[in-house]
Protein backbone atom coordinates (compact mmCIF):
# COMPACT_ATOMS: atom_id res chain seq x y z
CA MET A 1 312.02 -107.31 -1.69
CA GLU A 2 314.00 -109.49 1.07
CA HIS A 3 314.95 -113.19 -0.52
CA ILE A 4 315.30 -115.98 2.38
CA GLN A 5 316.71 -119.81 1.46
CA CYS A 6 314.98 -121.22 3.59
CA LEU A 7 311.65 -119.98 5.26
CA ILE A 8 309.45 -121.84 7.95
CA ILE A 9 305.93 -121.06 9.03
CA GLY A 10 304.69 -122.32 12.36
CA ALA A 11 306.43 -122.70 15.57
CA GLY A 12 305.85 -125.46 17.24
CA PRO A 13 307.89 -128.55 17.95
CA ALA A 14 307.82 -129.44 14.12
CA GLY A 15 308.80 -126.20 13.09
CA TYR A 16 311.32 -125.80 15.70
CA THR A 17 313.14 -128.71 14.57
CA ALA A 18 313.34 -128.01 11.12
CA ALA A 19 314.44 -124.53 12.14
CA ILE A 20 317.13 -126.33 14.17
CA TYR A 21 318.03 -128.77 11.29
CA ALA A 22 317.83 -126.35 9.08
CA ALA A 23 320.31 -123.78 10.83
CA ARG A 24 322.89 -126.64 11.71
CA ALA A 25 322.76 -127.18 7.30
CA ASN A 26 323.75 -123.31 7.26
CA LEU A 27 320.50 -122.83 5.18
CA LYS A 28 320.00 -119.54 7.19
CA PRO A 29 316.42 -120.23 8.24
CA VAL A 30 314.13 -117.41 8.71
CA MET A 31 310.98 -118.45 11.26
CA TYR A 32 307.72 -116.74 11.27
CA VAL A 33 306.42 -117.70 14.78
CA GLY A 34 302.30 -116.63 13.64
CA ASN A 35 299.28 -116.21 16.19
CA GLN A 36 300.24 -118.93 18.75
CA PRO A 37 303.77 -119.34 18.87
CA GLY A 38 305.11 -122.75 20.17
CA GLY A 39 301.50 -124.23 18.96
CA GLN A 40 299.26 -126.62 21.39
CA LEU A 41 301.74 -127.27 23.93
CA MET A 42 301.17 -123.57 25.32
CA ILE A 43 298.51 -124.20 26.53
CA THR A 44 299.68 -128.10 27.92
CA ASN A 45 300.87 -128.11 31.62
CA ASP A 46 302.47 -131.44 31.98
CA VAL A 47 304.53 -133.07 29.14
CA GLU A 48 306.12 -136.21 30.36
CA ASN A 49 305.85 -138.75 27.48
CA PHE A 50 308.42 -136.75 25.90
CA PRO A 51 312.00 -138.27 25.73
CA GLY A 52 314.94 -136.83 27.22
CA PHE A 53 312.73 -134.91 30.08
CA PRO A 54 312.75 -137.42 32.85
CA ASP A 55 310.74 -135.32 35.00
CA GLY A 56 308.50 -134.15 32.79
CA VAL A 57 308.24 -130.51 31.23
CA MET A 58 305.85 -127.67 31.35
CA GLY A 59 304.70 -127.28 27.84
CA PRO A 60 305.43 -123.56 27.38
CA GLU A 61 308.96 -124.12 29.18
CA MET A 62 309.37 -126.85 26.56
CA MET A 63 309.24 -124.35 24.06
CA GLU A 64 311.22 -121.89 25.42
CA LEU A 65 313.86 -124.60 25.34
CA PHE A 66 313.49 -126.19 21.67
CA LYS A 67 313.46 -121.90 20.76
CA LYS A 68 316.53 -121.20 22.21
CA GLN A 69 318.00 -124.28 20.92
CA ALA A 70 316.74 -123.40 17.50
CA GLU A 71 318.57 -119.37 17.46
CA ARG A 72 321.61 -121.01 19.11
CA PHE A 73 322.66 -122.43 15.73
CA GLY A 74 321.43 -119.12 13.96
CA THR A 75 317.59 -119.18 13.24
CA ASP A 76 316.12 -115.75 13.26
CA VAL A 77 312.82 -115.89 14.45
CA ARG A 78 310.23 -113.40 13.63
CA TYR A 79 306.91 -112.77 14.92
CA GLY A 80 304.66 -112.19 11.56
CA MET A 81 301.77 -114.21 10.43
CA VAL A 82 301.46 -115.18 7.02
CA THR A 83 298.37 -114.10 5.36
CA GLY A 84 299.33 -115.11 1.42
CA VAL A 85 301.66 -117.16 -0.60
CA ASP A 86 301.97 -117.37 -4.09
CA PHE A 87 303.62 -120.59 -5.20
CA SER A 88 302.68 -120.37 -8.84
CA GLY A 89 306.80 -120.23 -9.91
CA HIS A 90 309.78 -119.64 -8.67
CA PRO A 91 310.67 -118.35 -5.54
CA HIS A 92 307.81 -118.68 -3.65
CA LYS A 93 306.29 -115.57 -2.66
CA ILE A 94 305.14 -114.72 0.92
CA THR A 95 303.09 -112.08 2.79
CA ILE A 96 303.72 -111.15 6.27
CA ASP A 97 300.83 -109.73 7.83
CA ALA A 98 299.04 -107.97 4.73
CA GLU A 99 301.89 -105.83 3.94
CA LYS A 100 305.63 -106.76 3.82
CA GLU A 101 305.92 -109.32 1.00
CA ILE A 102 309.35 -111.51 0.79
CA THR A 103 310.31 -114.64 -1.42
CA ALA A 104 311.96 -117.54 -0.77
CA ASP A 105 313.95 -120.67 -2.21
CA ALA A 106 312.07 -123.61 0.12
CA VAL A 107 309.19 -122.90 2.64
CA ILE A 108 308.81 -125.66 5.35
CA ILE A 109 304.82 -125.19 6.36
CA ALA A 110 305.02 -126.06 9.89
CA THR A 111 301.04 -124.32 11.49
CA GLY A 112 300.08 -127.35 13.16
CA ALA A 113 296.70 -127.76 13.65
CA SER A 114 293.63 -126.24 16.35
CA ALA A 115 291.33 -128.39 18.61
CA LYS A 116 287.91 -127.30 18.38
CA TRP A 117 286.39 -126.68 21.22
CA LEU A 118 283.12 -126.70 22.65
CA GLY A 119 282.70 -122.57 22.97
CA ILE A 120 281.83 -122.39 26.44
CA PRO A 121 283.54 -119.94 29.01
CA SER A 122 284.46 -122.72 31.74
CA GLU A 123 285.91 -124.61 29.05
CA ALA A 124 288.41 -121.63 28.24
CA ARG A 125 289.17 -120.68 31.65
CA LEU A 126 289.97 -124.63 33.02
CA ASN A 127 292.50 -125.46 29.97
CA GLY A 128 295.08 -126.92 31.20
CA SER A 129 293.28 -127.76 34.68
CA GLY A 130 291.30 -130.52 33.64
CA VAL A 131 290.36 -129.65 30.67
CA SER A 132 291.53 -131.01 27.70
CA ALA A 133 292.00 -132.07 23.82
CA CYS A 134 294.35 -134.72 23.72
CA ALA A 135 293.18 -138.07 26.12
CA VAL A 136 297.06 -139.84 24.85
CA CYS A 137 298.73 -136.94 26.32
CA ASP A 138 297.22 -135.96 29.23
CA GLY A 139 295.03 -139.10 30.28
CA PHE A 140 297.81 -139.89 32.62
CA PHE A 141 297.26 -137.57 35.19
CA TYR A 142 293.88 -138.90 35.62
CA ARG A 143 294.73 -142.52 36.74
CA GLY A 144 291.73 -144.23 39.14
CA LEU A 145 289.89 -140.65 38.71
CA GLU A 146 286.22 -140.15 36.69
CA VAL A 147 286.83 -138.14 33.64
CA ALA A 148 284.36 -137.39 30.73
CA ILE A 149 284.92 -136.90 26.82
CA VAL A 150 282.64 -134.94 24.27
CA GLY A 151 282.85 -136.50 21.17
CA ALA A 152 280.94 -139.03 19.11
CA GLY A 153 283.60 -139.99 16.03
CA ASP A 154 286.33 -142.90 16.21
CA THR A 155 288.94 -140.55 16.94
CA ALA A 156 286.49 -139.65 20.57
CA CYS A 157 286.15 -143.39 21.09
CA GLU A 158 289.01 -144.34 20.89
CA GLU A 159 290.30 -141.51 23.35
CA ALA A 160 287.54 -143.40 25.64
CA LEU A 161 288.71 -146.82 25.28
CA TYR A 162 292.65 -145.33 26.11
CA LEU A 163 291.01 -143.33 28.84
CA SER A 164 289.27 -146.52 30.41
CA LYS A 165 292.41 -148.37 30.96
CA LEU A 166 293.56 -145.16 32.95
CA CYS A 167 290.60 -144.00 34.78
CA LYS A 168 287.82 -145.50 36.59
CA HIS A 169 285.04 -144.06 34.87
CA VAL A 170 284.70 -142.96 31.79
CA HIS A 171 281.31 -140.78 31.10
CA MET A 172 281.04 -140.43 26.81
CA LEU A 173 278.57 -137.14 26.46
CA VAL A 174 276.90 -137.58 22.66
CA ARG A 175 274.87 -135.05 21.74
CA ARG A 176 272.69 -137.06 19.68
CA ASP A 177 271.26 -140.98 19.76
CA THR A 178 273.91 -142.14 17.57
CA MET A 179 277.33 -142.15 16.73
CA ARG A 180 279.40 -141.08 13.77
CA ALA A 181 281.92 -143.64 14.85
CA SER A 182 282.53 -147.18 12.52
CA GLN A 183 280.24 -149.76 14.22
CA ILE A 184 283.25 -151.40 15.59
CA MET A 185 284.48 -148.67 16.91
CA GLN A 186 281.34 -148.33 18.72
CA ALA A 187 280.80 -151.78 19.66
CA ARG A 188 284.43 -151.45 22.04
CA VAL A 189 282.75 -148.39 23.41
CA LYS A 190 279.38 -150.51 24.61
CA ASN A 191 281.00 -153.30 25.48
CA THR A 192 283.31 -151.28 27.66
CA ALA A 193 281.87 -151.89 31.14
CA ASN A 194 283.77 -148.59 32.61
CA ILE A 195 282.55 -146.63 30.11
CA THR A 196 278.54 -144.89 30.61
CA VAL A 197 277.24 -142.73 27.14
CA HIS A 198 275.21 -140.38 27.90
CA TRP A 199 272.86 -139.97 24.57
CA ASN A 200 271.64 -136.89 23.77
CA THR A 201 273.35 -135.05 25.80
CA GLU A 202 275.50 -131.61 26.20
CA THR A 203 278.33 -129.64 28.08
CA ASP A 204 276.20 -127.03 30.23
CA GLU A 205 279.01 -125.82 32.55
CA ILE A 206 282.20 -127.14 33.14
CA LEU A 207 282.65 -127.00 37.59
CA GLY A 208 285.46 -126.41 39.64
CA GLU A 209 287.13 -122.71 40.30
CA HIS A 210 290.58 -123.24 39.90
CA THR A 211 290.52 -127.42 38.64
CA VAL A 212 287.69 -129.56 37.10
CA GLU A 213 285.25 -130.75 39.85
CA GLY A 214 282.67 -131.70 37.64
CA VAL A 215 280.35 -131.01 34.69
CA ARG A 216 276.68 -130.32 34.25
CA VAL A 217 275.38 -131.60 31.62
CA LYS A 218 271.82 -131.14 30.08
CA ASN A 219 269.52 -133.96 28.12
CA ARG A 220 268.73 -132.21 24.65
CA LEU A 221 265.09 -133.81 24.30
CA THR A 222 263.75 -133.24 28.14
CA GLY A 223 266.03 -130.24 28.82
CA GLU A 224 266.61 -131.71 32.12
CA THR A 225 270.25 -131.47 33.48
CA LYS A 226 272.12 -133.18 35.89
CA GLU A 227 275.98 -133.15 37.64
CA LEU A 228 278.45 -135.45 37.24
CA ALA A 229 281.54 -135.68 39.52
CA ILE A 230 284.77 -136.12 37.79
CA GLN A 231 288.14 -134.55 38.07
CA GLY A 232 289.08 -134.73 34.03
CA PHE A 233 287.17 -133.85 31.03
CA PHE A 234 288.15 -134.47 27.59
CA VAL A 235 286.81 -132.73 24.56
CA ALA A 236 287.16 -134.98 21.20
CA ILE A 237 285.31 -133.52 18.38
CA GLY A 238 288.18 -132.63 16.28
CA HIS A 239 290.73 -130.64 15.05
CA GLU A 240 291.20 -127.98 12.06
CA PRO A 241 294.48 -127.91 10.05
CA ASN A 242 295.67 -124.65 9.51
CA SER A 243 295.88 -124.88 5.99
CA THR A 244 293.51 -122.20 4.61
CA VAL A 245 296.22 -119.67 3.56
CA PHE A 246 297.69 -122.32 1.29
CA SER A 247 294.40 -124.07 -0.15
CA LYS A 248 294.97 -122.66 -3.87
CA TYR A 249 298.44 -124.45 -4.82
CA LEU A 250 298.66 -127.12 -2.23
CA GLU A 251 296.74 -130.33 -2.65
CA MET A 252 294.57 -131.24 0.61
CA ASP A 253 292.08 -133.86 1.92
CA GLU A 254 288.54 -133.24 2.63
CA GLN A 255 289.07 -132.07 5.83
CA GLY A 256 292.04 -129.47 4.91
CA TYR A 257 295.15 -131.93 5.91
CA ILE A 258 298.05 -130.78 3.46
CA ILE A 259 298.66 -134.20 1.65
CA THR A 260 302.86 -135.29 0.89
CA HIS A 261 304.53 -137.67 -0.80
CA PRO A 262 304.70 -141.13 0.77
CA ASP A 263 307.09 -141.30 3.31
CA SER A 264 308.33 -137.77 2.85
CA THR A 265 307.42 -133.76 3.56
CA ARG A 266 307.36 -133.23 -0.07
CA THR A 267 304.04 -131.61 -1.07
CA ASN A 268 302.80 -131.30 -4.71
CA ILE A 269 304.93 -127.70 -5.45
CA GLN A 270 308.55 -128.52 -5.78
CA GLY A 271 310.25 -127.00 -3.13
CA VAL A 272 307.34 -126.70 -0.14
CA PHE A 273 307.18 -129.01 2.12
CA ALA A 274 304.84 -129.71 4.79
CA CYS A 275 305.73 -131.36 8.63
CA GLY A 276 303.83 -131.59 12.32
CA ASP A 277 299.94 -131.29 12.72
CA VAL A 278 299.49 -129.70 9.36
CA GLN A 279 299.61 -132.78 7.42
CA ASP A 280 299.44 -135.57 10.33
CA LYS A 281 295.87 -136.06 11.60
CA HIS A 282 296.84 -139.97 12.87
CA TYR A 283 298.90 -139.15 15.64
CA ARG A 284 299.50 -135.65 16.76
CA GLN A 285 301.99 -136.06 19.06
CA ALA A 286 304.97 -133.54 19.60
CA VAL A 287 307.48 -135.92 19.23
CA THR A 288 306.30 -137.13 16.04
CA ALA A 289 305.70 -133.58 15.01
CA ALA A 290 309.29 -133.05 15.83
CA GLY A 291 310.58 -135.92 13.92
CA THR A 292 308.53 -134.51 10.67
CA GLY A 293 310.48 -131.06 11.40
CA CYS A 294 313.64 -133.30 10.69
CA MET A 295 312.68 -135.07 7.91
CA ALA A 296 311.27 -131.55 6.30
CA ALA A 297 314.23 -129.57 6.87
CA LEU A 298 316.67 -132.68 5.46
CA GLU A 299 314.75 -132.71 2.57
CA ALA A 300 314.74 -129.03 2.37
CA GLU A 301 318.14 -128.92 2.29
CA ARG A 302 318.44 -131.55 0.03
CA TYR A 303 316.08 -129.76 -2.51
CA LEU A 304 318.59 -126.50 -2.12
CA VAL A 305 321.78 -128.43 -3.38
CA ALA A 306 320.06 -129.70 -5.92
CA MET A 307 318.81 -126.17 -7.19
CA GLU A 308 321.95 -124.82 -6.75
CA THR A 309 323.70 -127.34 -8.57
CA HIS A 310 321.44 -127.43 -11.49
CA LEU A 311 322.14 -123.56 -11.67
CA LEU A 312 326.01 -123.67 -11.84
CA THR A 313 325.00 -126.44 -14.64
CA ALA A 314 323.12 -124.29 -16.66
CA GLU A 315 325.69 -121.28 -16.30
CA ASP A 316 328.39 -123.51 -17.35
């Protein structure tokens, strides 16, 4: 059975940053990239808010640069999906693609979170071409234009308010006649002049061949449809952390986000660290994910040094 000193699971900004720091610390990291190498940035066209790219950069290009930098320092990047773990003892046991078993002294989890989508064909076809799941990331591109956002929680309200400061008009599509959002957030939305809330409304089709040109919506009570002329369509119905495979061993909140110690990436299991969107439901930005990836690698290094020192003392 192969034994790894530092295993990194996931390959987005958090995972690659952890790999860069771990490799430079001579931890000989091995990274398994999962089923979406590069994470959500692989479906993001222009990234303009990551420091160091004054002219912006395409999401996939950025992740390729991250990968090259990690490999330059010696990270072993492998294709494969973690399908099982056993964190009950040490070393930690991990199963790859339901067949290969490995062990690791330190494990850094950077599996991210996946945006929830409506599931209509036009949404997938226009993803990255006017359809987005992150207003903070992409709202800048729709300055002075009309957009629509789907959702009824606090996040949807926050993103609608954010868009209202950039866009000419924001159409908020709410499936019911009430919102799940807190009363204060609802009040802010309702008191914002360029936000129109469409109640009992669901998305029938996003219109446009190559870019978003409009959306056809349907009233759930009357069945009546109408078209809204928009240039951007945002989905804010939540995210799902990619953490299920770890749920037997790691503490998580009610939504499945891995709980880490305050100001740390340490989990409830010694030698297991979590970084990026799999433990961050508040910010979900590439730059914050990269920051926690750095933290995880530094903490993993300290853990491994302490473990080695303890073993040497025990042998003495």
